[in-house]
Protein backbone atom coordinates (compact mmCIF):
# COMPACT_ATOMS: atom_id res chain seq x y z
CA UNK A 1 53.06 107.97 147.24
CA UNK A 2 54.77 110.57 145.74
CA UNK A 3 53.76 113.65 143.53
CA UNK A 4 56.46 116.18 142.07
CA UNK A 5 55.21 119.85 141.58
CA UNK A 6 57.34 122.62 139.42
CA UNK A 7 55.49 125.75 140.15
CA UNK A 8 56.00 128.17 137.77
CA UNK A 9 56.48 131.11 140.30
CA UNK A 10 56.97 132.20 143.57
CA UNK A 11 52.99 133.68 143.83
CA UNK A 12 51.95 129.58 142.64
CA UNK A 13 54.40 127.88 144.95
CA UNK A 14 52.57 130.37 148.14
CA UNK A 15 49.14 129.42 146.92
CA UNK A 16 50.20 125.98 146.67
CA UNK A 17 51.65 125.31 150.20
CA UNK A 18 49.02 127.54 151.60
CA UNK A 19 46.19 124.73 150.15
CA UNK A 20 48.28 122.19 151.80
CA UNK A 21 48.39 123.74 154.97
CA UNK A 22 44.73 124.89 155.16
CA UNK A 23 43.92 120.70 154.08
CA UNK A 24 46.49 119.51 156.95
CA UNK A 25 48.55 117.21 154.40
CA UNK A 26 52.25 116.49 155.50
CA UNK A 27 54.55 117.27 152.74
CA UNK A 28 57.92 117.82 152.37
CA UNK A 29 59.81 120.05 150.08
CA UNK A 30 63.06 119.41 148.40
CA UNK A 31 65.53 122.31 147.38
CA UNK A 32 67.02 121.66 143.91
CA UNK A 33 69.11 124.42 143.48
CA UNK A 34 72.34 123.71 142.84
CA UNK A 35 75.00 125.97 144.55
CA UNK A 36 78.18 126.39 142.73
CA UNK A 37 81.42 127.63 143.73
CA UNK A 38 83.20 130.53 142.71
CA UNK A 39 86.17 128.12 140.58
CA UNK A 40 82.55 126.32 139.53
CA UNK A 41 81.10 129.32 138.03
CA UNK A 42 84.35 130.62 136.58
CA UNK A 43 85.12 126.90 134.50
CA UNK A 44 81.61 127.40 133.32
CA UNK A 45 82.14 130.74 131.79
CA UNK A 46 85.39 129.74 130.23
CA UNK A 47 83.83 126.95 128.69
CA UNK A 48 81.07 129.37 127.18
CA UNK A 49 84.07 131.61 125.89
CA UNK A 50 85.69 128.69 124.72
CA UNK A 51 83.09 127.14 122.93
CA UNK A 52 81.84 130.76 121.42
CA UNK A 53 85.22 131.32 120.11
CA UNK A 54 85.37 128.04 118.18
CA UNK A 55 88.32 126.51 120.52
CA UNK A 56 86.22 123.19 121.74
CA UNK A 57 84.60 120.84 119.57
CA UNK A 58 81.10 119.77 120.29
CA UNK A 59 79.77 115.88 119.55
CA UNK A 60 76.18 115.19 119.07
CA UNK A 61 74.48 112.46 120.95
CA UNK A 62 74.75 110.09 118.11
CA UNK A 63 78.37 110.82 117.51
CA UNK A 64 79.08 109.69 121.00
CA UNK A 65 77.15 106.82 120.97
CA UNK A 66 78.69 105.55 117.61
CA UNK A 67 82.02 106.42 118.87
CA UNK A 68 81.98 104.31 122.21
CA UNK A 69 79.77 101.83 120.41
CA UNK A 70 76.84 101.91 122.60
CA UNK A 71 73.99 99.79 121.85
CA UNK A 72 70.42 101.19 122.97
């Protein structure tokens, strides 16, 4: 059985882990943090700047689905 829990604060995470430890449960933790390189961070910032300046066109999901003829 798998259960995914997303604590809202470090205190909640600590309390949950303490509970699991006190009950002698076996568990694993997955670190889902995404680490971006400096180049990746700069690319995102540049895309944000271009978007805010109106230099990039955006499309709704419906427009993309229609363009590519995707059948749901």
